PDB file of N, CA and C in Angstrom:
ATOM      1  N   MET A   1      29.672  12.073  43.763  1.00  0.00           N
ATOM      2  CA  MET A   1      28.887  13.137  43.199  1.00  0.00           C
ATOM      3  C   MET A   1      27.811  13.614  44.170  1.00  0.00           C
ATOM      4  N   ASP A   2      27.200  12.687  44.892  1.00  0.00           N
ATOM      5  CA  ASP A   2      26.153  13.061  45.831  1.00  0.00           C
ATOM      6  C   ASP A   2      26.699  13.916  46.963  1.00  0.00           C
ATOM      7  N   THR A   3      27.936  13.692  47.324  1.00  0.00           N
ATOM      8  CA  THR A   3      28.556  14.474  48.390  1.00  0.00           C
ATOM      9  C   THR A   3      28.693  15.931  47.959  1.00  0.00           C
ATOM     10  N   MET A   4      29.051  16.182  46.713  1.00  0.00           N
ATOM     11  CA  MET A   4      29.178  17.557  46.217  1.00  0.00           C
ATOM     12  C   MET A   4      27.821  18.250  46.202  1.00  0.00           C
ATOM     13  N   ALA A   5      26.789  17.535  45.846  1.00  0.00           N
ATOM     14  CA  ALA A   5      25.449  18.120  45.840  1.00  0.00           C
ATOM     15  C   ALA A   5      25.023  18.466  47.259  1.00  0.00           C
ATOM     16  N   PHE A   6      25.397  17.633  48.219  1.00  0.00           N
ATOM     17  CA  PHE A   6      25.043  17.890  49.612  1.00  0.00           C
ATOM     18  C   PHE A   6      25.782  19.120  50.141  1.00  0.00           C
ATOM     19  N   ILE A   7      27.047  19.240  49.805  1.00  0.00           N
ATOM     20  CA  ILE A   7      27.855  20.354  50.306  1.00  0.00           C
ATOM     21  C   ILE A   7      27.427  21.667  49.663  1.00  0.00           C
ATOM     22  N   SER A   8      27.186  21.677  48.376  1.00  0.00           N
ATOM     23  CA  SER A   8      26.893  22.926  47.677  1.00  0.00           C
ATOM     24  C   SER A   8      25.407  23.280  47.707  1.00  0.00           C
ATOM     25  N   GLY A   9      24.540  22.349  48.086  1.00  0.00           N
ATOM     26  CA  GLY A   9      23.103  22.617  48.069  1.00  0.00           C
ATOM     27  C   GLY A   9      22.624  23.298  49.338  1.00  0.00           C
ATOM     28  N   MET A  10      21.377  23.700  49.333  1.00  0.00           N
ATOM     29  CA  MET A  10      20.755  24.310  50.508  1.00  0.00           C
ATOM     30  C   MET A  10      20.476  23.214  51.536  1.00  0.00           C
ATOM     31  N   PRO A  11      20.550  23.568  52.829  1.00  0.00           N
ATOM     32  CA  PRO A  11      20.282  22.547  53.845  1.00  0.00           C
ATOM     33  C   PRO A  11      18.821  22.114  53.809  1.00  0.00           C
ATOM     34  N   GLY A  12      18.610  20.834  54.030  1.00  0.00           N
ATOM     35  CA  GLY A  12      17.257  20.296  54.039  1.00  0.00           C
ATOM     36  C   GLY A  12      16.623  20.435  55.414  1.00  0.00           C
ATOM     37  N   GLY A  13      15.483  19.800  55.606  1.00  0.00           N
ATOM     38  CA  GLY A  13      14.745  19.899  56.861  1.00  0.00           C
ATOM     39  C   GLY A  13      15.509  19.366  58.051  1.00  0.00           C
ATOM     40  N   THR A  14      16.173  18.234  57.879  1.00  0.00           N
ATOM     41  CA  THR A  14      16.917  17.634  58.981  1.00  0.00           C
ATOM     42  C   THR A  14      18.082  18.530  59.398  1.00  0.00           C
ATOM     43  N   GLU A  15      18.783  19.085  58.427  1.00  0.00           N
ATOM     44  CA  GLU A  15      19.921  19.939  58.732  1.00  0.00           C
ATOM     45  C   GLU A  15      19.484  21.210  59.451  1.00  0.00           C
ATOM     46  N   VAL A  16      18.356  21.776  59.035  1.00  0.00           N
ATOM     47  CA  VAL A  16      17.842  22.990  59.681  1.00  0.00           C
ATOM     48  C   VAL A  16      17.470  22.702  61.125  1.00  0.00           C
ATOM     49  N   LEU A  17      16.804  21.560  61.378  1.00  0.00           N
ATOM     50  CA  LEU A  17      16.450  21.186  62.754  1.00  0.00           C
ATOM     51  C   LEU A  17      17.690  20.973  63.616  1.00  0.00           C
ATOM     52  N   LEU A  18      18.712  20.372  63.049  1.00  0.00           N
ATOM     53  CA  LEU A  18      19.954  20.157  63.784  1.00  0.00           C
ATOM     54  C   LEU A  18      20.615  21.500  64.138  1.00  0.00           C
ATOM     55  N   ILE A  19      20.648  22.408  63.208  1.00  0.00           N
ATOM     56  CA  ILE A  19      21.225  23.739  63.454  1.00  0.00           C
ATOM     57  C   ILE A  19      20.432  24.472  64.531  1.00  0.00           C
ATOM     58  N   LEU A  20      19.105  24.429  64.460  1.00  0.00           N
ATOM     59  CA  LEU A  20      18.270  25.084  65.475  1.00  0.00           C
ATOM     60  C   LEU A  20      18.481  24.468  66.858  1.00  0.00           C
ATOM     61  N   PHE A  21      18.645  23.167  66.926  1.00  0.00           N
ATOM     62  CA  PHE A  21      18.891  22.496  68.204  1.00  0.00           C
ATOM     63  C   PHE A  21      20.229  22.932  68.796  1.00  0.00           C
ATOM     64  N   ILE A  22      21.248  23.035  67.972  1.00  0.00           N
ATOM     65  CA  ILE A  22      22.562  23.476  68.445  1.00  0.00           C
ATOM     66  C   ILE A  22      22.492  24.922  68.945  1.00  0.00           C
ATOM     67  N   ILE A  23      21.765  25.779  68.236  1.00  0.00           N
ATOM     68  CA  ILE A  23      21.599  27.171  68.666  1.00  0.00           C
ATOM     69  C   ILE A  23      20.867  27.223  70.000  1.00  0.00           C
ATOM     70  N   LEU A  24      19.846  26.406  70.159  1.00  0.00           N
ATOM     71  CA  LEU A  24      19.097  26.352  71.419  1.00  0.00           C
ATOM     72  C   LEU A  24      20.000  25.917  72.572  1.00  0.00           C
ATOM     73  N   LEU A  25      20.858  24.945  72.325  1.00  0.00           N
ATOM     74  CA  LEU A  25      21.790  24.493  73.361  1.00  0.00           C
ATOM     75  C   LEU A  25      22.809  25.572  73.720  1.00  0.00           C
ATOM     76  N   LEU A  26      23.296  26.290  72.701  1.00  0.00           N
ATOM     77  CA  LEU A  26      24.323  27.300  72.958  1.00  0.00           C
ATOM     78  C   LEU A  26      23.782  28.519  73.706  1.00  0.00           C
ATOM     79  N   PHE A  27      22.628  29.020  73.310  1.00  0.00           N
ATOM     80  CA  PHE A  27      22.138  30.282  73.854  1.00  0.00           C
ATOM     81  C   PHE A  27      21.055  30.125  74.912  1.00  0.00           C
ATOM     82  N   GLY A  28      20.353  29.038  74.946  1.00  0.00           N
ATOM     83  CA  GLY A  28      19.287  28.848  75.919  1.00  0.00           C
ATOM     84  C   GLY A  28      17.974  29.430  75.413  1.00  0.00           C
ATOM     85  N   ALA A  29      16.881  28.988  76.035  1.00  0.00           N
ATOM     86  CA  ALA A  29      15.543  29.383  75.590  1.00  0.00           C
ATOM     87  C   ALA A  29      15.238  30.836  75.894  1.00  0.00           C
ATOM     88  N   LYS A  30      15.864  31.400  76.914  1.00  0.00           N
ATOM     89  CA  LYS A  30      15.561  32.793  77.289  1.00  0.00           C
ATOM     90  C   LYS A  30      16.190  33.799  76.322  1.00  0.00           C
ATOM     91  N   LYS A  31      17.308  33.454  75.754  1.00  0.00           N
ATOM     92  CA  LYS A  31      18.012  34.378  74.857  1.00  0.00           C
ATOM     93  C   LYS A  31      17.504  34.320  73.414  1.00  0.00           C
ATOM     94  N   LEU A  32      16.823  33.266  73.023  1.00  0.00           N
ATOM     95  CA  LEU A  32      16.392  33.124  71.633  1.00  0.00           C
ATOM     96  C   LEU A  32      15.460  34.247  71.172  1.00  0.00           C
ATOM     97  N   PRO A  33      14.457  34.684  71.940  1.00  0.00           N
ATOM     98  CA  PRO A  33      13.619  35.794  71.468  1.00  0.00           C
ATOM     99  C   PRO A  33      14.415  37.085  71.256  1.00  0.00           C
ATOM    100  N   GLU A  34      15.376  37.355  72.139  1.00  0.00           N
ATOM    101  CA  GLU A  34      16.219  38.547  71.970  1.00  0.00           C
ATOM    102  C   GLU A  34      17.057  38.438  70.702  1.00  0.00           C
ATOM    103  N   LEU A  35      17.614  37.268  70.476  1.00  0.00           N
ATOM    104  CA  LEU A  35      18.408  37.062  69.260  1.00  0.00           C
ATOM    105  C   LEU A  35      17.546  37.213  68.007  1.00  0.00           C
ATOM    106  N   SER A  36      16.337  36.690  68.057  1.00  0.00           N
ATOM    107  CA  SER A  36      15.438  36.790  66.902  1.00  0.00           C
ATOM    108  C   SER A  36      15.085  38.245  66.610  1.00  0.00           C
ATOM    109  N   ARG A  37      14.796  39.018  67.672  1.00  0.00           N
ATOM    110  CA  ARG A  37      14.459  40.437  67.488  1.00  0.00           C
ATOM    111  C   ARG A  37      15.634  41.195  66.889  1.00  0.00           C
ATOM    112  N   SER A  38      16.813  40.985  67.451  1.00  0.00           N
ATOM    113  CA  SER A  38      17.983  41.713  66.945  1.00  0.00           C
ATOM    114  C   SER A  38      18.313  41.288  65.514  1.00  0.00           C
ATOM    115  N   LEU A  39      18.123  40.011  65.208  1.00  0.00           N
ATOM    116  CA  LEU A  39      18.351  39.549  63.842  1.00  0.00           C
ATOM    117  C   LEU A  39      17.345  40.179  62.887  1.00  0.00           C
ATOM    118  N   GLY A  40      16.080  40.269  63.301  1.00  0.00           N
ATOM    119  CA  GLY A  40      15.062  40.903  62.464  1.00  0.00           C
ATOM    120  C   GLY A  40      15.350  42.376  62.229  1.00  0.00           C
ATOM    121  N   LYS A  41      15.775  43.079  63.285  1.00  0.00           N
ATOM    122  CA  LYS A  41      16.116  44.503  63.129  1.00  0.00           C
ATOM    123  C   LYS A  41      17.301  44.691  62.200  1.00  0.00           C
ATOM    124  N   SER A  42      18.313  43.854  62.357  1.00  0.00           N
ATOM    125  CA  SER A  42      19.489  43.998  61.499  1.00  0.00           C
ATOM    126  C   SER A  42      19.152  43.672  60.044  1.00  0.00           C
ATOM    127  N   LEU A  43      18.291  42.680  59.828  1.00  0.00           N
ATOM    128  CA  LEU A  43      17.872  42.388  58.455  1.00  0.00           C
ATOM    129  C   LEU A  43      17.079  43.555  57.862  1.00  0.00           C
ATOM    130  N   GLY A  44      16.220  44.182  58.682  1.00  0.00           N
ATOM    131  CA  GLY A  44      15.462  45.344  58.212  1.00  0.00           C
ATOM    132  C   GLY A  44      16.378  46.496  57.845  1.00  0.00           C
ATOM    133  N   GLU A  45      17.381  46.755  58.671  1.00  0.00           N
ATOM    134  CA  GLU A  45      18.345  47.820  58.373  1.00  0.00           C
ATOM    135  C   GLU A  45      19.146  47.493  57.118  1.00  0.00           C
ATOM    136  N   PHE A  46      19.512  46.232  56.961  1.00  0.00           N
ATOM    137  CA  PHE A  46      20.248  45.816  55.770  1.00  0.00           C
ATOM    138  C   PHE A  46      19.423  46.048  54.510  1.00  0.00           C
ATOM    139  N   LYS A  47      18.142  45.660  54.550  1.00  0.00           N
ATOM    140  CA  LYS A  47      17.266  45.858  53.391  1.00  0.00           C
ATOM    141  C   LYS A  47      17.087  47.340  53.087  1.00  0.00           C
ATOM    142  N   LYS A  48      16.940  48.154  54.137  1.00  0.00           N
ATOM    143  CA  LYS A  48      16.776  49.594  53.943  1.00  0.00           C
ATOM    144  C   LYS A  48      18.022  50.195  53.292  1.00  0.00           C
ATOM    145  N   GLY A  49      19.190  49.811  53.786  1.00  0.00           N
ATOM    146  CA  GLY A  49      20.444  50.291  53.198  1.00  0.00           C
ATOM    147  C   GLY A  49      20.595  49.850  51.759  1.00  0.00           C
ATOM    148  N   LYS A  50      20.204  48.618  51.480  1.00  0.00           N
ATOM    149  CA  LYS A  50      20.280  48.091  50.107  1.00  0.00           C
ATOM    150  C   LYS A  50      19.360  48.872  49.179  1.00  0.00           C
ATOM    151  N   GLU A  51      18.139  49.157  49.635  1.00  0.00           N
ATOM    152  CA  GLU A  51      17.191  49.922  48.814  1.00  0.00           C
ATOM    153  C   GLU A  51      17.690  51.344  48.580  1.00  0.00           C
ATOM    154  N   ASP A  52      18.273  51.973  49.607  1.00  0.00           N
ATOM    155  CA  ASP A  52      18.825  53.315  49.441  1.00  0.00           C
ATOM    156  C   ASP A  52      19.953  53.326  48.421  1.00  0.00           C
ATOM    157  N   LEU A  53      20.822  52.326  48.490  1.00  0.00           N
ATOM    158  CA  LEU A  53      21.931  52.239  47.548  1.00  0.00           C
ATOM    159  C   LEU A  53      21.422  52.004  46.132  1.00  0.00           C
ATOM    160  N   GLU A  54      20.436  51.133  45.959  1.00  0.00           N
ATOM    161  CA  GLU A  54      19.874  50.885  44.634  1.00  0.00           C
ATOM    162  C   GLU A  54      19.221  52.141  44.073  1.00  0.00           C
ATOM    163  N   LYS A  55      18.513  52.904  44.927  1.00  0.00           N
ATOM    164  CA  LYS A  55      17.876  54.145  44.489  1.00  0.00           C
ATOM    165  C   LYS A  55      18.926  55.154  44.044  1.00  0.00           C
ATOM    166  N   GLU A  56      20.015  55.257  44.796  1.00  0.00           N
ATOM    167  CA  GLU A  56      21.076  56.186  44.435  1.00  0.00           C
ATOM    168  C   GLU A  56      21.720  55.795  43.104  1.00  0.00           C
ATOM    169  N   ILE A  57      21.923  54.514  42.886  1.00  0.00           N
ATOM    170  CA  ILE A  57      22.501  54.037  41.628  1.00  0.00           C
ATOM    171  C   ILE A  57      21.554  54.335  40.470  1.00  0.00           C
ATOM    172  N   ARG A  58      20.234  54.097  40.675  1.00  0.00           N
ATOM    173  CA  ARG A  58      19.263  54.405  39.615  1.00  0.00           C
ATOM    174  C   ARG A  58      19.262  55.891  39.298  1.00  0.00           C
ATOM    175  N   ASP A  59      19.337  56.747  40.318  1.00  0.00           N
ATOM    176  CA  ASP A  59      19.364  58.193  40.094  1.00  0.00           C
ATOM    177  C   ASP A  59      20.589  58.598  39.284  1.00  0.00           C
ATOM    178  N   ILE A  60      21.742  58.038  39.620  1.00  0.00           N
ATOM    179  CA  ILE A  60      22.971  58.370  38.893  1.00  0.00           C
ATOM    180  C   ILE A  60      22.871  57.881  37.453  1.00  0.00           C
ATOM    181  N   GLN A  61      22.328  56.681  37.252  1.00  0.00           N
ATOM    182  CA  GLN A  61      22.162  56.167  35.891  1.00  0.00           C
ATOM    183  C   GLN A  61      21.216  57.058  35.099  1.00  0.00           C
ATOM    184  N   HIS A  62      20.149  57.541  35.733  1.00  0.00           N
ATOM    185  CA  HIS A  62      19.194  58.414  35.057  1.00  0.00           C
ATOM    186  C   HIS A  62      19.870  59.728  34.664  1.00  0.00           C
ATOM    187  N   GLU A  63      20.690  60.294  35.561  1.00  0.00           N
ATOM    188  CA  GLU A  63      21.390  61.529  35.251  1.00  0.00           C
ATOM    189  C   GLU A  63      22.340  61.339  34.081  1.00  0.00           C
ATOM    190  N   VAL A  64      23.090  60.236  34.089  1.00  0.00           N
ATOM    191  CA  VAL A  64      24.030  59.968  33.003  1.00  0.00           C
ATOM    192  C   VAL A  64      23.277  59.769  31.699  1.00  0.00           C
ATOM    193  N   HIS A  65      22.153  59.056  31.756  1.00  0.00           N
ATOM    194  CA  HIS A  65      21.346  58.822  30.562  1.00  0.00           C
ATOM    195  C   HIS A  65      20.819  60.144  30.002  1.00  0.00           C
ATOM    196  N   GLU A  66      20.351  61.030  30.870  1.00  0.00           N
ATOM    197  CA  GLU A  66      19.840  62.329  30.427  1.00  0.00           C
ATOM    198  C   GLU A  66      20.945  63.163  29.796  1.00  0.00           C
ATOM    199  N   GLU A  67      22.154  63.105  30.348  1.00  0.00           N
ATOM    200  CA  GLU A  67      23.263  63.875  29.792  1.00  0.00           C
ATOM    201  C   GLU A  67      23.654  63.368  28.417  1.00  0.00           C
ATOM    202  N   THR A  68      23.565  62.057  28.192  1.00  0.00           N
ATOM    203  CA  THR A  68      23.937  61.529  26.886  1.00  0.00           C
ATOM    204  C   THR A  68      22.863  61.786  25.851  1.00  0.00           C
ATOM    205  N   ILE A  69      21.612  61.867  26.261  1.00  0.00           N
ATOM    206  CA  ILE A  69      20.529  62.115  25.306  1.00  0.00           C
ATOM    207  C   ILE A  69      20.455  63.588  24.941  1.00  0.00           C
ATOM    208  N   THR A  70      20.520  64.473  25.922  1.00  0.00           N
ATOM    209  CA  THR A  70      20.406  65.908  25.664  1.00  0.00           C
ATOM    210  C   THR A  70      21.695  66.600  26.085  1.00  0.00           C
ATOM    211  N   PRO A  71      22.696  66.594  25.192  1.00  0.00           N
ATOM    212  CA  PRO A  71      23.944  67.262  25.559  1.00  0.00           C
ATOM    213  C   PRO A  71      23.741  68.773  25.596  1.00  0.00           C
ATOM    214  N   GLU A  72      24.585  69.433  26.350  1.00  0.00           N
ATOM    215  CA  GLU A  72      24.496  70.886  26.429  1.00  0.00           C
ATOM    216  C   GLU A  72      24.868  71.477  25.076  1.00  0.00           C
ATOM    217  N   PRO A  73      24.138  72.514  24.646  1.00  0.00           N
ATOM    218  CA  PRO A  73      24.465  73.117  23.343  1.00  0.00           C
ATOM    219  C   PRO A  73      25.822  73.813  23.415  1.00  0.00           C
ATOM    220  N   GLU A  74      26.548  73.728  22.300  1.00  0.00           N
ATOM    221  CA  GLU A  74      27.850  74.373  22.255  1.00  0.00           C
ATOM    222  C   GLU A  74      27.644  75.867  22.074  1.00  0.00           C
ATOM    223  N   PRO A  75      28.444  76.677  22.744  1.00  0.00           N
ATOM    224  CA  PRO A  75      28.282  78.129  22.608  1.00  0.00           C
ATOM    225  C   PRO A  75      28.664  78.588  21.211  1.00  0.00           C
ATOM    226  N   GLU A  76      27.991  79.650  20.748  1.00  0.00           N
ATOM    227  CA  GLU A  76      28.288  80.223  19.434  1.00  0.00           C
ATOM    228  C   GLU A  76      29.695  80.815  19.476  1.00  0.00           C
ATOM    229  N   PRO A  77      30.483  80.636  18.430  1.00  0.00           N
ATOM    230  CA  PRO A  77      31.833  81.207  18.443  1.00  0.00           C
ATOM    231  C   PRO A  77      31.759  82.735  18.386  1.00  0.00           C
ATOM    232  N   GLU A  78      32.675  83.368  19.075  1.00  0.00           N
ATOM    233  CA  GLU A  78      32.737  84.828  19.082  1.00  0.00           C
ATOM    234  C   GLU A  78      33.229  85.299  17.720  1.00  0.00           C
ATOM    235  N   PRO A  79      32.616  86.361  17.174  1.00  0.00           N
ATOM    236  CA  PRO A  79      33.105  86.871  15.876  1.00  0.00           C
ATOM    237  C   PRO A  79      34.495  87.467  16.050  1.00  0.00           C
ATOM    238  N   GLU A  80      35.288  87.286  15.002  1.00  0.00           N
ATOM    239  CA  GLU A  80      36.648  87.820  15.061  1.00  0.00           C
ATOM    240  C   GLU A  80      36.600  89.336  14.997  1.00  0.00           C
ATOM    241  N   GLU A  81      37.599  89.932  15.551  1.00  0.00           N
ATOM    242  CA  GLU A  81      37.657  91.383  15.593  1.00  0.00           C
ATOM    243  C   GLU A  81      37.793  91.939  14.185  1.00  0.00           C
ATOM    244  N   GLY A  82      37.000  92.946  13.861  1.00  0.00           N
ATOM    245  CA  GLY A  82      37.068  93.581  12.552  1.00  0.00           C
ATOM    246  C   GLY A  82      36.132  92.967  11.531  1.00  0.00           C
ATOM    247  N   ILE A  83      35.526  91.849  11.839  1.00  0.00           N
ATOM    248  CA  ILE A  83      34.585  91.213  10.926  1.00  0.00           C
ATOM    249  C   ILE A  83      33.198  91.521  11.433  1.00  0.00           C
ATOM    250  N   SER A  84      32.342  92.010  10.544  1.00  0.00           N
ATOM    251  CA  SER A  84      30.985  92.379  10.932  1.00  0.00           C
ATOM    252  C   SER A  84      30.110  91.136  10.987  1.00  0.00           C
ATOM    253  N   GLU A  85      29.108  91.174  11.875  1.00  0.00           N
ATOM    254  CA  GLU A  85      28.208  90.035  12.016  1.00  0.00           C
ATOM    255  C   GLU A  85      27.108  90.043  10.961  1.00  0.00           C
ATOM    256  N   THR A  86      26.761  91.189  10.394  1.00  0.00           N
ATOM    257  CA  THR A  86      25.663  91.254   9.435  1.00  0.00           C
ATOM    258  C   THR A  86      26.188  91.493   8.038  1.00  0.00           C
ATOM    259  N   LYS A  87      25.396  91.083   7.059  1.00  0.00           N
ATOM    260  CA  LYS A  87      25.775  91.273   5.655  1.00  0.00           C
ATOM    261  C   LYS A  87      25.591  92.723   5.226  1.00  0.00           C
ATOM    262  N   ASP A  88      24.691  93.445   5.890  1.00  0.00           N
ATOM    263  CA  ASP A  88      24.426  94.831   5.539  1.00  0.00           C
ATOM    264  C   ASP A  88      25.611  95.735   5.840  1.00  0.00           C
ATOM    265  N   ALA A  89      26.441  95.297   6.732  1.00  0.00           N
ATOM    266  CA  ALA A  89      27.542  96.144   7.139  1.00  0.00           C
ATOM    267  C   ALA A  89      28.689  96.106   6.134  1.00  0.00           C
ATOM    268  N   VAL A  90      28.608  95.256   5.110  1.00  0.00           N
ATOM    269  CA  VAL A  90      29.656  95.187   4.099  1.00  0.00           C
ATOM    270  C   VAL A  90      29.591  96.479   3.295  1.00  0.00           C
ATOM    271  N   LYS A  91      30.705  97.134   3.201  1.00  0.00           N
ATOM    272  CA  LYS A  91      30.741  98.423   2.499  1.00  0.00           C
ATOM    273  C   LYS A  91      30.790  98.187   0.996  1.00  0.00           C
ATOM    274  N   ALA A  92      29.996  98.969   0.308  1.00  0.00           N
ATOM    275  CA  ALA A  92      29.998  98.902  -1.160  1.00  0.00           C
ATOM    276  C   ALA A  92      31.156  99.757  -1.663  1.00  0.00           C
ATOM    277  N   PRO A  93      31.722  99.390  -2.801  1.00  0.00           N
ATOM    278  CA  PRO A  93      32.842 100.175  -3.328  1.00  0.00           C
ATOM    279  C   PRO A  93      32.339 101.580  -3.687  1.00  0.00           C
ATOM    280  N   PRO A  94      33.174 102.566  -3.538  1.00  0.00           N
ATOM    281  CA  PRO A  94      32.749 103.940  -3.844  1.00  0.00           C
ATOM    282  C   PRO A  94      32.324 104.054  -5.311  1.00  0.00           C
ATOM    283  N   SER A  95      31.250 104.740  -5.551  1.00  0.00           N
ATOM    284  CA  SER A  95      30.738 104.901  -6.926  1.00  0.00           C
ATOM    285  C   SER A  95      31.410 106.130  -7.568  1.00  0.00           C
ATOM    286  N   GLU A  96      31.557 106.065  -8.851  1.00  0.00           N
ATOM    287  CA  GLU A  96      32.214 107.163  -9.583  1.00  0.00           C
ATOM    288  C   GLU A  96      31.123 108.052 -10.178  1.00  0.00           C
ATOM    289  N   ASP A  97      30.754 109.123  -9.535  1.00  0.00           N
ATOM    290  CA  ASP A  97      29.751 110.064 -10.023  1.00  0.00           C
ATOM    291  C   ASP A  97      30.347 111.199 -10.740  1.00  0.00           C
TER     292      ASP A  97
END
């Protein structure tokens, strides 16, 4: 059980030091500042892209929410041909004078 916790858990202090030592051996002391700068820039770009994507998703959700709350009014149906729109236009039957 302890082995599973070690594999699935975050690395502790000893593991981090071991990883840093291996990186130092692989790249050398002169390359580490360059690697750190490029890693920092790439992380900054990643965060910026993530924030832009989240903002775009929020905007789309807001638009969809607004459309569901205030639907466009349905157009009034066109009156049929020959039918008057007003009640006054109804002709009274001819009177017998």
